[in-house]
Amino acid sequence: MIFVFLVSTLISVTNIMAQIIVPVLIVGNDSFPILTLPEIVVVSKRTFTSSFEQNKFNKLKKNILIVYPYAKKAGEIFNEVQKELSNKDSKRDQRKFLKQKEKELNEQFKDKLKNLTTVQGDILVKLIARQTGQNCYELIKEFKNPMSAFFWQSAGSLWGYDLKVYYNPQQDKDIELIVRGIENNF
């Protein structure tokens, strides 16, 4: 009885596997299946030269864990706004949409973002640039106006921020390592 069950199960699994469609490369009389495998990041165990370096890295990781969800959400909102703006015909409709979106975002995030530390804000600026492909200055300039961008750049410089900074994964290796770890659910 068990043998019959196993054989019938094997036959049904074989039938299901035979129905999977895979692209094929044909060379002469041979056919080769083509499969795309997901990217795998291999990272060796991190060693630190001192406990100071390890504490510094741990603090950076803690700060990134706090601000990364905001940066990820900013990237999603950026894509959503870009899509909506492309569907709007007139400049008036675009400005109206942007004002409404700004109001929603202020209600949703203003109080939370006010409580970030200066270091967390600096990391957030870099991560937003990473998520959107544009620095924060360009985003403000594009969605608000050049005067607002200049104002916020000037105000940010008083607190040590540079909104014109681009994200460079080579320069910010630790940030990139931690973010990839978050994205890959380490």
N, C-alpha and C. Protein backbone atom coordinates (compact mmCIF):
# COMPACT_ATOMS: atom_id res chain seq x y z
N MET A 1 0.82 -1.19 0.00
CA MET A 1 0.00 0.00 0.00
C MET A 1 0.87 1.26 0.00
N ILE A 2 1.87 1.29 0.87
CA ILE A 2 2.76 2.44 0.94
C ILE A 2 3.54 2.57 -0.36
N PHE A 3 3.92 1.43 -0.95
CA PHE A 3 4.67 1.46 -2.21
C PHE A 3 3.84 2.11 -3.32
N VAL A 4 2.57 1.78 -3.38
CA VAL A 4 1.67 2.34 -4.39
C VAL A 4 1.55 3.86 -4.17
N PHE A 5 1.44 4.27 -2.91
CA PHE A 5 1.34 5.69 -2.60
C PHE A 5 2.61 6.43 -3.03
N LEU A 6 3.78 5.87 -2.73
CA LEU A 6 5.04 6.50 -3.10
C LEU A 6 5.20 6.59 -4.62
N VAL A 7 4.84 5.54 -5.32
CA VAL A 7 4.96 5.55 -6.78
C VAL A 7 4.02 6.58 -7.38
N SER A 8 2.78 6.64 -6.90
CA SER A 8 1.82 7.62 -7.44
C SER A 8 2.27 9.05 -7.12
N THR A 9 2.83 9.27 -5.94
CA THR A 9 3.35 10.58 -5.58
C THR A 9 4.52 10.95 -6.47
N LEU A 10 5.43 10.03 -6.71
CA LEU A 10 6.58 10.27 -7.57
C LEU A 10 6.14 10.60 -9.00
N ILE A 11 5.15 9.89 -9.50
CA ILE A 11 4.65 10.16 -10.85
C ILE A 11 4.01 11.54 -10.92
N SER A 12 3.22 11.93 -9.92
CA SER A 12 2.57 13.25 -9.94
C SER A 12 3.60 14.37 -9.80
N VAL A 13 4.64 14.19 -8.98
CA VAL A 13 5.69 15.19 -8.85
C VAL A 13 6.45 15.31 -10.17
N THR A 14 6.71 14.19 -10.82
CA THR A 14 7.40 14.21 -12.11
C THR A 14 6.57 14.95 -13.14
N ASN A 15 5.25 14.75 -13.14
CA ASN A 15 4.37 15.45 -14.08
C ASN A 15 4.37 16.95 -13.81
N ILE A 16 4.37 17.34 -12.55
CA ILE A 16 4.40 18.76 -12.19
C ILE A 16 5.72 19.37 -12.61
N MET A 17 6.83 18.68 -12.35
CA MET A 17 8.15 19.20 -12.71
C MET A 17 8.29 19.32 -14.22
N ALA A 18 7.66 18.43 -14.97
CA ALA A 18 7.76 18.48 -16.43
C ALA A 18 7.01 19.67 -16.99
N GLN A 19 6.11 20.27 -16.24
CA GLN A 19 5.31 21.37 -16.72
C GLN A 19 5.95 22.74 -16.46
N ILE A 20 7.08 22.78 -15.82
CA ILE A 20 7.76 24.05 -15.56
C ILE A 20 8.41 24.52 -16.86
N ILE A 21 8.15 25.77 -17.22
CA ILE A 21 8.69 26.33 -18.45
C ILE A 21 9.98 27.08 -18.13
N VAL A 22 11.04 26.71 -18.82
CA VAL A 22 12.35 27.31 -18.60
C VAL A 22 12.88 27.77 -19.96
N PRO A 23 13.42 29.00 -20.04
CA PRO A 23 14.03 29.41 -21.32
C PRO A 23 15.21 28.51 -21.67
N VAL A 24 15.39 28.27 -22.97
CA VAL A 24 16.41 27.34 -23.42
C VAL A 24 17.29 28.01 -24.47
N LEU A 25 18.59 27.74 -24.39
CA LEU A 25 19.54 28.18 -25.40
C LEU A 25 19.84 26.98 -26.27
N ILE A 26 19.61 27.09 -27.58
CA ILE A 26 19.83 25.97 -28.49
C ILE A 26 21.13 26.23 -29.25
N VAL A 27 22.05 25.27 -29.13
CA VAL A 27 23.34 25.33 -29.82
C VAL A 27 23.46 24.03 -30.62
N GLY A 28 23.38 24.16 -31.93
CA GLY A 28 23.42 22.95 -32.77
C GLY A 28 22.21 22.09 -32.47
N ASN A 29 22.46 20.85 -32.09
CA ASN A 29 21.38 19.92 -31.74
C ASN A 29 21.15 19.84 -30.24
N ASP A 30 21.90 20.61 -29.47
CA ASP A 30 21.77 20.57 -28.01
C ASP A 30 20.95 21.75 -27.50
N SER A 31 20.24 21.52 -26.42
CA SER A 31 19.50 22.61 -25.76
C SER A 31 19.94 22.68 -24.31
N PHE A 32 20.20 23.91 -23.87
CA PHE A 32 20.68 24.15 -22.51
C PHE A 32 19.69 25.05 -21.79
N PRO A 33 19.19 24.62 -20.62
CA PRO A 33 18.27 25.50 -19.87
C PRO A 33 19.03 26.71 -19.32
N ILE A 34 18.35 27.85 -19.32
CA ILE A 34 18.94 29.08 -18.81
C ILE A 34 18.19 29.47 -17.54
N LEU A 35 18.90 29.55 -16.45
CA LEU A 35 18.31 29.94 -15.18
C LEU A 35 19.06 31.13 -14.62
N THR A 36 18.34 32.08 -14.06
CA THR A 36 18.96 33.23 -13.41
C THR A 36 18.88 33.01 -11.91
N LEU A 37 20.02 33.00 -11.29
CA LEU A 37 20.07 32.79 -9.84
C LEU A 37 20.11 34.14 -9.13
N PRO A 38 19.52 34.21 -7.95
CA PRO A 38 19.57 35.48 -7.21
C PRO A 38 20.99 35.79 -6.74
N GLU A 39 21.25 37.08 -6.56
CA GLU A 39 22.56 37.51 -6.08
C GLU A 39 22.75 37.06 -4.64
N ILE A 40 23.93 36.55 -4.37
CA ILE A 40 24.27 36.13 -3.01
C ILE A 40 25.48 36.94 -2.57
N VAL A 41 25.37 37.55 -1.41
CA VAL A 41 26.47 38.34 -0.86
C VAL A 41 27.14 37.51 0.21
N VAL A 42 28.42 37.28 0.04
CA VAL A 42 29.19 36.52 1.02
C VAL A 42 30.06 37.51 1.79
N VAL A 43 29.89 37.49 3.09
CA VAL A 43 30.62 38.42 3.94
C VAL A 43 31.37 37.62 4.99
N SER A 44 32.64 37.90 5.12
CA SER A 44 33.41 37.22 6.16
C SER A 44 33.08 37.83 7.52
N LYS A 45 33.41 37.10 8.55
CA LYS A 45 33.16 37.59 9.89
C LYS A 45 34.00 38.84 10.13
N ARG A 46 33.35 39.85 10.64
CA ARG A 46 34.00 41.15 10.86
C ARG A 46 34.91 41.07 12.08
N THR A 47 36.15 41.50 11.91
CA THR A 47 37.07 41.58 13.04
C THR A 47 37.42 43.05 13.26
N PHE A 48 37.54 43.42 14.49
CA PHE A 48 37.82 44.80 14.86
C PHE A 48 39.20 44.88 15.51
N THR A 49 39.87 46.00 15.28
CA THR A 49 41.21 46.17 15.84
C THR A 49 41.16 46.52 17.33
N SER A 50 40.02 47.11 17.75
CA SER A 50 39.90 47.49 19.16
C SER A 50 38.43 47.49 19.56
N SER A 51 38.22 47.55 20.85
CA SER A 51 36.84 47.61 21.34
C SER A 51 36.21 48.95 20.96
N PHE A 52 37.02 49.99 20.82
CA PHE A 52 36.52 51.30 20.39
C PHE A 52 35.91 51.19 18.99
N GLU A 53 36.64 50.52 18.08
CA GLU A 53 36.14 50.34 16.71
C GLU A 53 34.86 49.52 16.70
N GLN A 54 34.80 48.50 17.54
CA GLN A 54 33.60 47.67 17.61
C GLN A 54 32.42 48.47 18.15
N ASN A 55 32.64 49.28 19.17
CA ASN A 55 31.57 50.12 19.72
C ASN A 55 31.09 51.14 18.70
N LYS A 56 32.02 51.71 17.96
CA LYS A 56 31.68 52.68 16.91
C LYS A 56 30.80 52.03 15.84
N PHE A 57 31.18 50.82 15.42
CA PHE A 57 30.40 50.08 14.43
C PHE A 57 29.01 49.74 14.98
N ASN A 58 28.95 49.30 16.23
CA ASN A 58 27.66 48.95 16.84
C ASN A 58 26.73 50.16 16.95
N LYS A 59 27.30 51.33 17.27
CA LYS A 59 26.50 52.55 17.33
C LYS A 59 25.98 52.92 15.94
N LEU A 60 26.84 52.78 14.94
CA LEU A 60 26.42 53.05 13.56
C LEU A 60 25.28 52.11 13.16
N LYS A 61 25.42 50.85 13.51
CA LYS A 61 24.38 49.87 13.18
C LYS A 61 23.06 50.22 13.88
N LYS A 62 23.14 50.61 15.14
CA LYS A 62 21.95 51.01 15.90
C LYS A 62 21.27 52.20 15.23
N ASN A 63 22.06 53.20 14.84
CA ASN A 63 21.50 54.38 14.18
C ASN A 63 20.89 54.05 12.82
N ILE A 64 21.54 53.17 12.08
CA ILE A 64 21.00 52.78 10.77
C ILE A 64 19.69 52.03 10.95
N LEU A 65 19.62 51.16 11.95
CA LEU A 65 18.37 50.43 12.20
C LEU A 65 17.22 51.38 12.52
N ILE A 66 17.53 52.53 13.12
CA ILE A 66 16.50 53.51 13.44
C ILE A 66 16.04 54.25 12.19
N VAL A 67 16.98 54.67 11.32
CA VAL A 67 16.61 55.53 10.19
C VAL A 67 16.35 54.79 8.89
N TYR A 68 16.78 53.55 8.76
CA TYR A 68 16.60 52.84 7.50
C TYR A 68 15.13 52.72 7.08
N PRO A 69 14.21 52.43 7.99
CA PRO A 69 12.80 52.37 7.56
C PRO A 69 12.31 53.69 6.95
N TYR A 70 12.79 54.83 7.46
CA TYR A 70 12.40 56.13 6.89
C TYR A 70 12.99 56.29 5.49
N ALA A 71 14.23 55.88 5.30
CA ALA A 71 14.86 55.99 3.99
C ALA A 71 14.17 55.08 2.98
N LYS A 72 13.83 53.89 3.41
CA LYS A 72 13.13 52.95 2.53
C LYS A 72 11.78 53.51 2.13
N LYS A 73 11.07 54.07 3.10
CA LYS A 73 9.77 54.68 2.82
C LYS A 73 9.94 55.88 1.89
N ALA A 74 11.01 56.65 2.06
CA ALA A 74 11.27 57.80 1.19
C ALA A 74 11.46 57.35 -0.25
N GLY A 75 12.17 56.24 -0.44
CA GLY A 75 12.35 55.70 -1.78
C GLY A 75 11.04 55.27 -2.41
N GLU A 76 10.19 54.63 -1.60
CA GLU A 76 8.87 54.21 -2.10
C GLU A 76 8.01 55.42 -2.46
N ILE A 77 8.02 56.43 -1.61
CA ILE A 77 7.24 57.64 -1.85
C ILE A 77 7.77 58.36 -3.09
N PHE A 78 9.09 58.41 -3.25
CA PHE A 78 9.70 59.04 -4.41
C PHE A 78 9.20 58.38 -5.70
N ASN A 79 9.22 57.05 -5.73
CA ASN A 79 8.75 56.33 -6.92
C ASN A 79 7.27 56.56 -7.17
N GLU A 80 6.49 56.56 -6.10
CA GLU A 80 5.05 56.80 -6.21
C GLU A 80 4.77 58.21 -6.75
N VAL A 81 5.47 59.20 -6.23
CA VAL A 81 5.27 60.59 -6.66
C VAL A 81 5.70 60.75 -8.11
N GLN A 82 6.83 60.15 -8.49
CA GLN A 82 7.28 60.24 -9.88
C GLN A 82 6.23 59.66 -10.82
N LYS A 83 5.65 58.52 -10.43
CA LYS A 83 4.63 57.87 -11.26
C LYS A 83 3.39 58.75 -11.37
N GLU A 84 2.95 59.30 -10.24
CA GLU A 84 1.76 60.17 -10.24
C GLU A 84 1.98 61.44 -11.06
N LEU A 85 3.15 62.02 -10.92
CA LEU A 85 3.44 63.26 -11.66
C LEU A 85 3.47 63.02 -13.16
N SER A 86 3.91 61.85 -13.57
CA SER A 86 3.93 61.56 -15.01
C SER A 86 2.52 61.40 -15.56
N ASN A 87 1.56 61.07 -14.68
CA ASN A 87 0.16 60.93 -15.11
C ASN A 87 -0.59 62.26 -15.13
N LYS A 88 -0.03 63.28 -14.48
CA LYS A 88 -0.68 64.60 -14.44
C LYS A 88 -0.29 65.39 -15.68
N ASP A 89 -1.30 66.00 -16.31
CA ASP A 89 -1.05 66.73 -17.55
C ASP A 89 -0.57 68.16 -17.32
N SER A 90 -1.22 68.85 -16.41
CA SER A 90 -0.89 70.27 -16.25
C SER A 90 0.02 70.49 -15.04
N LYS A 91 0.76 71.57 -15.09
CA LYS A 91 1.62 71.96 -13.97
C LYS A 91 0.79 72.24 -12.73
N ARG A 92 -0.40 72.78 -12.95
CA ARG A 92 -1.29 73.12 -11.82
C ARG A 92 -1.69 71.84 -11.07
N ASP A 93 -2.05 70.80 -11.81
CA ASP A 93 -2.41 69.53 -11.17
C ASP A 93 -1.21 68.93 -10.43
N GLN A 94 -0.03 69.08 -11.02
CA GLN A 94 1.18 68.56 -10.38
C GLN A 94 1.46 69.29 -9.07
N ARG A 95 1.37 70.63 -9.09
CA ARG A 95 1.61 71.41 -7.86
C ARG A 95 0.57 71.07 -6.79
N LYS A 96 -0.68 70.93 -7.21
CA LYS A 96 -1.75 70.59 -6.26
C LYS A 96 -1.48 69.22 -5.62
N PHE A 97 -1.08 68.26 -6.44
CA PHE A 97 -0.75 66.93 -5.92
C PHE A 97 0.42 66.99 -4.95
N LEU A 98 1.47 67.74 -5.32
CA LEU A 98 2.65 67.84 -4.46
C LEU A 98 2.33 68.51 -3.13
N LYS A 99 1.49 69.55 -3.15
CA LYS A 99 1.10 70.21 -1.89
C LYS A 99 0.34 69.24 -0.99
N GLN A 100 -0.57 68.48 -1.58
CA GLN A 100 -1.34 67.51 -0.80
C GLN A 100 -0.43 66.42 -0.23
N LYS A 101 0.51 65.94 -1.05
CA LYS A 101 1.44 64.90 -0.60
C LYS A 101 2.34 65.43 0.51
N GLU A 102 2.80 66.68 0.38
CA GLU A 102 3.64 67.28 1.41
C GLU A 102 2.87 67.39 2.73
N LYS A 103 1.62 67.76 2.66
CA LYS A 103 0.80 67.86 3.86
C LYS A 103 0.66 66.50 4.54
N GLU A 104 0.39 65.46 3.74
CA GLU A 104 0.27 64.10 4.29
C GLU A 104 1.58 63.66 4.95
N LEU A 105 2.69 63.92 4.28
CA LEU A 105 3.99 63.49 4.80
C LEU A 105 4.36 64.24 6.08
N ASN A 106 4.02 65.54 6.14
CA ASN A 106 4.27 66.31 7.36
C ASN A 106 3.50 65.73 8.53
N GLU A 107 2.23 65.39 8.29
CA GLU A 107 1.42 64.81 9.36
C GLU A 107 1.97 63.47 9.81
N GLN A 108 2.45 62.70 8.86
CA GLN A 108 2.89 61.34 9.15
C GLN A 108 4.29 61.28 9.79
N PHE A 109 5.23 62.14 9.34
CA PHE A 109 6.62 61.97 9.73
C PHE A 109 7.25 63.12 10.51
N LYS A 110 6.65 64.29 10.52
CA LYS A 110 7.31 65.47 11.09
C LYS A 110 7.77 65.25 12.54
N ASP A 111 6.87 64.78 13.39
CA ASP A 111 7.22 64.60 14.81
C ASP A 111 8.27 63.51 15.00
N LYS A 112 8.18 62.45 14.20
CA LYS A 112 9.15 61.36 14.33
C LYS A 112 10.54 61.80 13.91
N LEU A 113 10.62 62.56 12.82
CA LEU A 113 11.92 62.97 12.30
C LEU A 113 12.56 64.07 13.16
N LYS A 114 11.74 64.83 13.86
CA LYS A 114 12.29 65.87 14.75
C LYS A 114 13.09 65.26 15.89
N ASN A 115 12.77 64.03 16.27
CA ASN A 115 13.42 63.39 17.41
C ASN A 115 14.72 62.68 17.05
N LEU A 116 15.12 62.72 15.78
CA LEU A 116 16.38 62.08 15.39
C LEU A 116 17.56 62.91 15.87
N THR A 117 18.66 62.22 16.15
CA THR A 117 19.89 62.92 16.52
C THR A 117 20.56 63.45 15.26
N THR A 118 21.57 64.28 15.43
CA THR A 118 22.30 64.82 14.29
C THR A 118 22.97 63.70 13.49
N VAL A 119 23.54 62.74 14.16
CA VAL A 119 24.20 61.62 13.48
C VAL A 119 23.16 60.81 12.69
N GLN A 120 22.01 60.56 13.29
CA GLN A 120 20.96 59.82 12.61
C GLN A 120 20.45 60.60 11.39
N GLY A 121 20.35 61.92 11.52
CA GLY A 121 19.94 62.75 10.40
C GLY A 121 20.93 62.70 9.26
N ASP A 122 22.21 62.72 9.59
CA ASP A 122 23.25 62.63 8.57
C ASP A 122 23.18 61.29 7.85
N ILE A 123 22.98 60.22 8.58
CA ILE A 123 22.85 58.89 7.98
C ILE A 123 21.59 58.84 7.11
N LEU A 124 20.51 59.43 7.59
CA LEU A 124 19.27 59.44 6.83
C LEU A 124 19.44 60.15 5.49
N VAL A 125 20.15 61.27 5.47
CA VAL A 125 20.41 62.00 4.23
C VAL A 125 21.15 61.10 3.24
N LYS A 126 22.14 60.36 3.72
CA LYS A 126 22.89 59.45 2.85
C LYS A 126 22.02 58.30 2.36
N LEU A 127 21.20 57.74 3.25
CA LEU A 127 20.37 56.61 2.86
C LEU A 127 19.26 57.02 1.89
N ILE A 128 18.75 58.23 2.04
CA ILE A 128 17.75 58.72 1.08
C ILE A 128 18.40 58.86 -0.29
N ALA A 129 19.62 59.37 -0.32
CA ALA A 129 20.35 59.46 -1.59
C ALA A 129 20.57 58.07 -2.18
N ARG A 130 20.82 57.09 -1.33
CA ARG A 130 21.02 55.70 -1.79
C ARG A 130 19.73 55.16 -2.38
N GLN A 131 18.61 55.39 -1.71
CA GLN A 131 17.33 54.83 -2.15
C GLN A 131 16.80 55.49 -3.42
N THR A 132 17.00 56.80 -3.56
CA THR A 132 16.39 57.53 -4.66
C THR A 132 17.32 57.75 -5.84
N GLY A 133 18.62 57.69 -5.59
CA GLY A 133 19.58 57.98 -6.65
C GLY A 133 19.85 59.47 -6.82
N GLN A 134 19.22 60.30 -6.01
CA GLN A 134 19.43 61.74 -6.04
C GLN A 134 19.72 62.21 -4.62
N ASN A 135 20.51 63.28 -4.51
CA ASN A 135 20.74 63.79 -3.16
C ASN A 135 19.52 64.60 -2.70
N CYS A 136 19.45 64.86 -1.42
CA CYS A 136 18.28 65.53 -0.83
C CYS A 136 18.10 66.94 -1.38
N TYR A 137 19.20 67.64 -1.66
CA TYR A 137 19.12 68.98 -2.22
C TYR A 137 18.38 68.95 -3.56
N GLU A 138 18.75 68.01 -4.42
CA GLU A 138 18.08 67.88 -5.73
C GLU A 138 16.61 67.53 -5.58
N LEU A 139 16.30 66.67 -4.60
CA LEU A 139 14.91 66.29 -4.39
C LEU A 139 14.07 67.49 -3.97
N ILE A 140 14.59 68.28 -3.04
CA ILE A 140 13.86 69.47 -2.60
C ILE A 140 13.72 70.45 -3.76
N LYS A 141 14.79 70.63 -4.50
CA LYS A 141 14.77 71.54 -5.64
C LYS A 141 13.75 71.09 -6.69
N GLU A 142 13.67 69.79 -6.93
CA GLU A 142 12.75 69.25 -7.93
C GLU A 142 11.29 69.33 -7.47
N PHE A 143 11.03 68.97 -6.23
CA PHE A 143 9.65 68.87 -5.78
C PHE A 143 9.12 70.14 -5.12
N LYS A 144 9.99 70.99 -4.62
CA LYS A 144 9.56 72.26 -4.04
C LYS A 144 9.97 73.38 -4.99
N ASN A 145 11.14 73.96 -4.74
CA ASN A 145 11.69 74.98 -5.62
C ASN A 145 13.15 75.24 -5.23
N PRO A 146 13.91 75.90 -6.10
CA PRO A 146 15.33 76.13 -5.78
C PRO A 146 15.55 76.96 -4.52
N MET A 147 14.66 77.90 -4.21
CA MET A 147 14.83 78.71 -3.00
C MET A 147 14.68 77.86 -1.74
N SER A 148 13.72 76.95 -1.74
CA SER A 148 13.56 76.05 -0.59
C SER A 148 14.79 75.16 -0.43
N ALA A 149 15.30 74.68 -1.54
CA ALA A 149 16.49 73.84 -1.48
C ALA A 149 17.66 74.62 -0.90
N PHE A 150 17.83 75.87 -1.33
CA PHE A 150 18.91 76.71 -0.81
C PHE A 150 18.71 76.96 0.68
N PHE A 151 17.47 77.25 1.08
CA PHE A 151 17.17 77.51 2.49
C PHE A 151 17.52 76.29 3.35
N TRP A 152 17.06 75.10 2.92
CA TRP A 152 17.29 73.90 3.72
C TRP A 152 18.76 73.48 3.72
N GLN A 153 19.46 73.76 2.63
CA GLN A 153 20.90 73.49 2.61
C GLN A 153 21.62 74.41 3.59
N SER A 154 21.21 75.68 3.61
CA SER A 154 21.82 76.63 4.54
C SER A 154 21.50 76.27 5.99
N ALA A 155 20.24 75.93 6.24
CA ALA A 155 19.84 75.54 7.60
C ALA A 155 20.55 74.25 8.02
N GLY A 156 20.65 73.31 7.10
CA GLY A 156 21.33 72.06 7.41
C GLY A 156 22.80 72.24 7.71
N SER A 157 23.43 73.18 7.02
CA SER A 157 24.86 73.41 7.27
C SER A 157 25.11 73.94 8.68
N LEU A 158 24.11 74.63 9.26
CA LEU A 158 24.25 75.09 10.65
C LEU A 158 24.34 73.92 11.62
N TRP A 159 23.68 72.80 11.29
CA TRP A 159 23.70 71.62 12.15
C TRP A 159 24.67 70.56 11.66
N GLY A 160 25.46 70.90 10.65
CA GLY A 160 26.48 69.96 10.18
C GLY A 160 26.02 69.02 9.09
N TYR A 161 24.89 69.27 8.47
CA TYR A 161 24.40 68.44 7.37
C TYR A 161 24.85 69.01 6.04
N ASP A 162 25.01 68.14 5.08
CA ASP A 162 25.23 68.56 3.70
C ASP A 162 24.21 67.83 2.86
N LEU A 163 23.16 68.53 2.43
CA LEU A 163 22.09 67.91 1.67
C LEU A 163 22.53 67.57 0.24
N LYS A 164 23.68 68.10 -0.17
CA LYS A 164 24.16 67.84 -1.53
C LYS A 164 25.02 66.58 -1.61
N VAL A 165 25.18 65.88 -0.50
CA VAL A 165 26.03 64.70 -0.48
C VAL A 165 25.35 63.55 -1.23
N TYR A 166 26.15 62.89 -2.07
CA TYR A 166 25.69 61.69 -2.75
C TYR A 166 26.14 60.48 -1.96
N TYR A 167 25.43 59.40 -2.10
CA TYR A 167 25.81 58.17 -1.42
C TYR A 167 26.88 57.47 -2.24
N ASN A 168 27.99 57.15 -1.60
CA ASN A 168 29.07 56.45 -2.26
C ASN A 168 29.36 55.17 -1.47
N PRO A 169 28.97 53.99 -2.01
CA PRO A 169 29.17 52.76 -1.25
C PRO A 169 30.64 52.43 -0.99
N GLN A 170 31.54 52.97 -1.81
CA GLN A 170 32.97 52.74 -1.57
C GLN A 170 33.47 53.56 -0.38
N GLN A 171 32.94 54.77 -0.25
CA GLN A 171 33.34 55.65 0.85
C GLN A 171 32.68 55.23 2.16
N ASP A 172 31.42 54.83 2.06
CA ASP A 172 30.64 54.46 3.25
C ASP A 172 30.48 52.94 3.32
N LYS A 173 31.59 52.24 3.41
CA LYS A 173 31.57 50.78 3.37
C LYS A 173 30.80 50.17 4.53
N ASP A 174 30.97 50.74 5.71
CA ASP A 174 30.27 50.19 6.88
C ASP A 174 28.76 50.36 6.73
N ILE A 175 28.33 51.52 6.25
CA ILE A 175 26.89 51.76 6.05
C ILE A 175 26.36 50.77 5.03
N GLU A 176 27.07 50.60 3.93
CA GLU A 176 26.64 49.68 2.88
C GLU A 176 26.55 48.25 3.41
N LEU A 177 27.54 47.85 4.19
CA LEU A 177 27.56 46.51 4.77
C LEU A 177 26.34 46.29 5.67
N ILE A 178 26.05 47.24 6.51
CA ILE A 178 24.93 47.12 7.44
C ILE A 178 23.60 47.13 6.68
N VAL A 179 23.46 48.01 5.70
CA VAL A 179 22.20 48.09 4.93
C VAL A 179 21.98 46.81 4.14
N ARG A 180 23.02 46.28 3.52
CA ARG A 180 22.86 45.02 2.80
C ARG A 180 22.47 43.89 3.75
N GLY A 181 23.03 43.93 4.95
CA GLY A 181 22.65 42.94 5.95
C GLY A 181 21.17 43.06 6.32
N ILE A 182 20.69 44.28 6.44
CA ILE A 182 19.27 44.51 6.75
C ILE A 182 18.40 44.01 5.59
N GLU A 183 18.80 44.35 4.38
CA GLU A 183 18.01 43.98 3.20
C GLU A 183 18.01 42.48 2.98
N ASN A 184 19.10 41.81 3.35
CA ASN A 184 19.18 40.36 3.17
C ASN A 184 18.76 39.59 4.42
N ASN A 185 18.25 40.32 5.42
CA ASN A 185 17.72 39.72 6.66
C ASN A 185 18.75 38.87 7.38
N PHE A 186 19.94 39.42 7.60
CA PHE A 186 20.94 38.70 8.38
C PHE A 186 20.49 38.63 9.81
